[in-house]
Amino acid sequence: MSGEKSGGNTGLGILVGAILVLVVGIAYYLFTGGDVPPIGDEPEIQIDLPDGN
């Protein structure tokens, strides 16, 4: 009988965990002023093409 109770608790735990992640994500977004920081540094690419003369 405890197996059935455990299954219900697992589903509830997943639901609470998902809500917690969502709330923390929204709080972080608002705390940072709405700007999501870039992940890593974006490389600056410069391509010099010949003039063709």
PDB file of N, CA and C in Angstrom:
ATOM      1  N   MET A   1       0.815  -1.214   0.000  1.00  0.00           N
ATOM      2  CA  MET A   1       0.000   0.000   0.000  1.00  0.00           C
ATOM      3  C   MET A   1       0.851   1.267   0.000  1.00  0.00           C
ATOM      4  N   SER A   2       2.029   1.169   0.562  1.00  0.00           N
ATOM      5  CA  SER A   2       2.880   2.358   0.595  1.00  0.00           C
ATOM      6  C   SER A   2       3.371   2.730  -0.799  1.00  0.00           C
ATOM      7  N   GLY A   3       3.391   1.772  -1.754  1.00  0.00           N
ATOM      8  CA  GLY A   3       3.817   2.061  -3.119  1.00  0.00           C
ATOM      9  C   GLY A   3       2.887   3.043  -3.806  1.00  0.00           C
ATOM     10  N   GLU A   4       1.581   2.896  -3.553  1.00  0.00           N
ATOM     11  CA  GLU A   4       0.617   3.822  -4.160  1.00  0.00           C
ATOM     12  C   GLU A   4       0.795   5.230  -3.601  1.00  0.00           C
ATOM     13  N   LYS A   5       1.045   5.353  -2.332  1.00  0.00           N
ATOM     14  CA  LYS A   5       1.256   6.655  -1.704  1.00  0.00           C
ATOM     15  C   LYS A   5       2.537   7.302  -2.237  1.00  0.00           C
ATOM     16  N   SER A   6       3.564   6.493  -2.442  1.00  0.00           N
ATOM     17  CA  SER A   6       4.823   7.013  -2.952  1.00  0.00           C
ATOM     18  C   SER A   6       4.658   7.562  -4.364  1.00  0.00           C
ATOM     19  N   GLY A   7       3.852   6.896  -5.187  1.00  0.00           N
ATOM     20  CA  GLY A   7       3.616   7.382  -6.542  1.00  0.00           C
ATOM     21  C   GLY A   7       2.957   8.742  -6.538  1.00  0.00           C
ATOM     22  N   GLY A   8       2.018   8.965  -5.638  1.00  0.00           N
ATOM     23  CA  GLY A   8       1.358  10.262  -5.531  1.00  0.00           C
ATOM     24  C   GLY A   8       2.322  11.333  -5.057  1.00  0.00           C
ATOM     25  N   ASN A   9       3.186  10.975  -4.125  1.00  0.00           N
ATOM     26  CA  ASN A   9       4.165  11.936  -3.621  1.00  0.00           C
ATOM     27  C   ASN A   9       5.194  12.293  -4.684  1.00  0.00           C
ATOM     28  N   THR A  10       5.535  11.339  -5.534  1.00  0.00           N
ATOM     29  CA  THR A  10       6.500  11.614  -6.595  1.00  0.00           C
ATOM     30  C   THR A  10       5.933  12.611  -7.591  1.00  0.00           C
ATOM     31  N   GLY A  11       4.679  12.409  -7.988  1.00  0.00           N
ATOM     32  CA  GLY A  11       4.021  13.343  -8.911  1.00  0.00           C
ATOM     33  C   GLY A  11       3.910  14.729  -8.310  1.00  0.00           C
ATOM     34  N   LEU A  12       3.586  14.795  -7.033  1.00  0.00           N
ATOM     35  CA  LEU A  12       3.482  16.083  -6.351  1.00  0.00           C
ATOM     36  C   LEU A  12       4.848  16.755  -6.262  1.00  0.00           C
ATOM     37  N   GLY A  13       5.882  15.975  -6.015  1.00  0.00           N
ATOM     38  CA  GLY A  13       7.238  16.519  -5.937  1.00  0.00           C
ATOM     39  C   GLY A  13       7.697  17.096  -7.265  1.00  0.00           C
ATOM     40  N   ILE A  14       7.378  16.396  -8.350  1.00  0.00           N
ATOM     41  CA  ILE A  14       7.741  16.900  -9.680  1.00  0.00           C
ATOM     42  C   ILE A  14       7.005  18.199  -9.969  1.00  0.00           C
ATOM     43  N   LEU A  15       5.725  18.266  -9.618  1.00  0.00           N
ATOM     44  CA  LEU A  15       4.935  19.475  -9.846  1.00  0.00           C
ATOM     45  C   LEU A  15       5.476  20.643  -9.023  1.00  0.00           C
ATOM     46  N   VAL A  16       5.767  20.420  -7.768  1.00  0.00           N
ATOM     47  CA  VAL A  16       6.309  21.475  -6.908  1.00  0.00           C
ATOM     48  C   VAL A  16       7.687  21.911  -7.414  1.00  0.00           C
ATOM     49  N   GLY A  17       8.499  20.966  -7.853  1.00  0.00           N
ATOM     50  CA  GLY A  17       9.816  21.305  -8.390  1.00  0.00           C
ATOM     51  C   GLY A  17       9.729  22.157  -9.641  1.00  0.00           C
ATOM     52  N   ALA A  18       8.787  21.823 -10.528  1.00  0.00           N
ATOM     53  CA  ALA A  18       8.613  22.603 -11.760  1.00  0.00           C
ATOM     54  C   ALA A  18       8.143  24.018 -11.449  1.00  0.00           C
ATOM     55  N   ILE A  19       7.227  24.145 -10.516  1.00  0.00           N
ATOM     56  CA  ILE A  19       6.739  25.477 -10.126  1.00  0.00           C
ATOM     57  C   ILE A  19       7.864  26.284  -9.489  1.00  0.00           C
ATOM     58  N   LEU A  20       8.674  25.630  -8.664  1.00  0.00           N
ATOM     59  CA  LEU A  20       9.790  26.310  -8.004  1.00  0.00           C
ATOM     60  C   LEU A  20      10.799  26.828  -9.025  1.00  0.00           C
ATOM     61  N   VAL A  21      11.127  26.014 -10.020  1.00  0.00           N
ATOM     62  CA  VAL A  21      12.061  26.438 -11.062  1.00  0.00           C
ATOM     63  C   VAL A  21      11.492  27.621 -11.834  1.00  0.00           C
ATOM     64  N   LEU A  22      10.205  27.586 -12.127  1.00  0.00           N
ATOM     65  CA  LEU A  22       9.554  28.681 -12.851  1.00  0.00           C
ATOM     66  C   LEU A  22       9.589  29.973 -12.039  1.00  0.00           C
ATOM     67  N   VAL A  23       9.283  29.897 -10.758  1.00  0.00           N
ATOM     68  CA  VAL A  23       9.267  31.086  -9.901  1.00  0.00           C
ATOM     69  C   VAL A  23      10.676  31.662  -9.755  1.00  0.00           C
ATOM     70  N   VAL A  24      11.673  30.800  -9.568  1.00  0.00           N
ATOM     71  CA  VAL A  24      13.051  31.274  -9.442  1.00  0.00           C
ATOM     72  C   VAL A  24      13.508  31.917 -10.751  1.00  0.00           C
ATOM     73  N   GLY A  25      13.134  31.335 -11.880  1.00  0.00           N
ATOM     74  CA  GLY A  25      13.495  31.907 -13.175  1.00  0.00           C
ATOM     75  C   GLY A  25      12.885  33.278 -13.387  1.00  0.00           C
ATOM     76  N   ILE A  26      11.618  33.434 -13.041  1.00  0.00           N
ATOM     77  CA  ILE A  26      10.951  34.738 -13.183  1.00  0.00           C
ATOM     78  C   ILE A  26      11.566  35.755 -12.230  1.00  0.00           C
ATOM     79  N   ALA A  27      11.863  35.340 -11.003  1.00  0.00           N
ATOM     80  CA  ALA A  27      12.481  36.246 -10.031  1.00  0.00           C
ATOM     81  C   ALA A  27      13.861  36.698 -10.511  1.00  0.00           C
ATOM     82  N   TYR A  28      14.636  35.785 -11.079  1.00  0.00           N
ATOM     83  CA  TYR A  28      15.958  36.147 -11.597  1.00  0.00           C
ATOM     84  C   TYR A  28      15.824  37.129 -12.755  1.00  0.00           C
ATOM     85  N   TYR A  29      14.862  36.882 -13.626  1.00  0.00           N
ATOM     86  CA  TYR A  29      14.629  37.760 -14.774  1.00  0.00           C
ATOM     87  C   TYR A  29      14.272  39.171 -14.304  1.00  0.00           C
ATOM     88  N   LEU A  30      13.399  39.278 -13.320  1.00  0.00           N
ATOM     89  CA  LEU A  30      13.007  40.594 -12.809  1.00  0.00           C
ATOM     90  C   LEU A  30      14.149  41.242 -12.031  1.00  0.00           C
ATOM     91  N   PHE A  31      14.912  40.451 -11.279  1.00  0.00           N
ATOM     92  CA  PHE A  31      16.003  40.980 -10.469  1.00  0.00           C
ATOM     93  C   PHE A  31      17.117  41.553 -11.337  1.00  0.00           C
ATOM     94  N   THR A  32      17.346  40.944 -12.501  1.00  0.00           N
ATOM     95  CA  THR A  32      18.407  41.416 -13.382  1.00  0.00           C
ATOM     96  C   THR A  32      17.936  42.545 -14.292  1.00  0.00           C
ATOM     97  N   GLY A  33      16.738  43.016 -14.118  1.00  0.00           N
ATOM     98  CA  GLY A  33      16.231  44.130 -14.901  1.00  0.00           C
ATOM     99  C   GLY A  33      15.672  43.714 -16.249  1.00  0.00           C
ATOM    100  N   GLY A  34      15.391  42.448 -16.417  1.00  0.00           N
ATOM    101  CA  GLY A  34      14.788  41.979 -17.647  1.00  0.00           C
ATOM    102  C   GLY A  34      15.777  41.638 -18.737  1.00  0.00           C
ATOM    103  N   ASP A  35      17.073  41.815 -18.478  1.00  0.00           N
ATOM    104  CA  ASP A  35      18.084  41.476 -19.474  1.00  0.00           C
ATOM    105  C   ASP A  35      18.705  40.133 -19.123  1.00  0.00           C
ATOM    106  N   VAL A  36      18.616  39.187 -20.042  1.00  0.00           N
ATOM    107  CA  VAL A  36      19.226  37.885 -19.819  1.00  0.00           C
ATOM    108  C   VAL A  36      20.691  37.995 -20.229  1.00  0.00           C
ATOM    109  N   PRO A  37      21.617  37.731 -19.317  1.00  0.00           N
ATOM    110  CA  PRO A  37      23.034  37.857 -19.662  1.00  0.00           C
ATOM    111  C   PRO A  37      23.423  36.816 -20.695  1.00  0.00           C
ATOM    112  N   PRO A  38      24.323  37.152 -21.609  1.00  0.00           N
ATOM    113  CA  PRO A  38      24.753  36.180 -22.616  1.00  0.00           C
ATOM    114  C   PRO A  38      25.536  35.041 -21.977  1.00  0.00           C
ATOM    115  N   ILE A  39      25.364  33.865 -22.515  1.00  0.00           N
ATOM    116  CA  ILE A  39      26.092  32.702 -22.002  1.00  0.00           C
ATOM    117  C   ILE A  39      27.432  32.641 -22.730  1.00  0.00           C
ATOM    118  N   GLY A  40      28.489  32.876 -21.997  1.00  0.00           N
ATOM    119  CA  GLY A  40      29.817  32.885 -22.605  1.00  0.00           C
ATOM    120  C   GLY A  40      30.032  34.183 -23.382  1.00  0.00           C
ATOM    121  N   ASP A  41      31.189  34.314 -23.966  1.00  0.00           N
ATOM    122  CA  ASP A  41      31.505  35.500 -24.766  1.00  0.00           C
ATOM    123  C   ASP A  41      31.223  35.205 -26.229  1.00  0.00           C
ATOM    124  N   GLU A  42      30.540  36.128 -26.869  1.00  0.00           N
ATOM    125  CA  GLU A  42      30.277  35.967 -28.293  1.00  0.00           C
ATOM    126  C   GLU A  42      31.531  36.394 -29.060  1.00  0.00           C
ATOM    127  N   PRO A  43      32.023  35.540 -29.933  1.00  0.00           N
ATOM    128  CA  PRO A  43      33.231  35.897 -30.681  1.00  0.00           C
ATOM    129  C   PRO A  43      32.948  36.996 -31.696  1.00  0.00           C
ATOM    130  N   GLU A  44      33.897  37.887 -31.843  1.00  0.00           N
ATOM    131  CA  GLU A  44      33.771  38.941 -32.842  1.00  0.00           C
ATOM    132  C   GLU A  44      34.440  38.454 -34.125  1.00  0.00           C
ATOM    133  N   ILE A  45      33.656  38.339 -35.179  1.00  0.00           N
ATOM    134  CA  ILE A  45      34.168  37.805 -36.441  1.00  0.00           C
ATOM    135  C   ILE A  45      34.278  38.938 -37.444  1.00  0.00           C
ATOM    136  N   GLN A  46      35.456  39.085 -38.016  1.00  0.00           N
ATOM    137  CA  GLN A  46      35.684  40.104 -39.033  1.00  0.00           C
ATOM    138  C   GLN A  46      36.275  39.423 -40.263  1.00  0.00           C
ATOM    139  N   ILE A  47      35.623  39.595 -41.401  1.00  0.00           N
ATOM    140  CA  ILE A  47      36.076  38.989 -42.644  1.00  0.00           C
ATOM    141  C   ILE A  47      36.475  40.099 -43.613  1.00  0.00           C
ATOM    142  N   ASP A  48      37.721  40.070 -44.034  1.00  0.00           N
ATOM    143  CA  ASP A  48      38.213  41.045 -45.005  1.00  0.00           C
ATOM    144  C   ASP A  48      38.245  40.398 -46.377  1.00  0.00           C
ATOM    145  N   LEU A  49      37.426  40.900 -47.284  1.00  0.00           N
ATOM    146  CA  LEU A  49      37.384  40.365 -48.655  1.00  0.00           C
ATOM    147  C   LEU A  49      38.213  41.253 -49.576  1.00  0.00           C
ATOM    148  N   PRO A  50      38.839  40.651 -50.575  1.00  0.00           N
ATOM    149  CA  PRO A  50      39.598  41.456 -51.530  1.00  0.00           C
ATOM    150  C   PRO A  50      38.667  42.331 -52.375  1.00  0.00           C
ATOM    151  N   ASP A  51      39.193  43.446 -52.867  1.00  0.00           N
ATOM    152  CA  ASP A  51      38.383  44.377 -53.655  1.00  0.00           C
ATOM    153  C   ASP A  51      37.977  43.808 -55.003  1.00  0.00           C
ATOM    154  N   GLY A  52      38.716  42.893 -55.539  1.00  0.00           N
ATOM    155  CA  GLY A  52      38.406  42.296 -56.833  1.00  0.00           C
ATOM    156  C   GLY A  52      38.995  43.062 -57.996  1.00  0.00           C
ATOM    157  N   ASN A  53      39.921  43.978 -57.770  1.00  0.00           N
ATOM    158  CA  ASN A  53      40.543  44.757 -58.860  1.00  0.00           C
ATOM    159  C   ASN A  53      41.776  44.088 -59.372  1.00  0.00           C
TER     160      ASN A  53
END
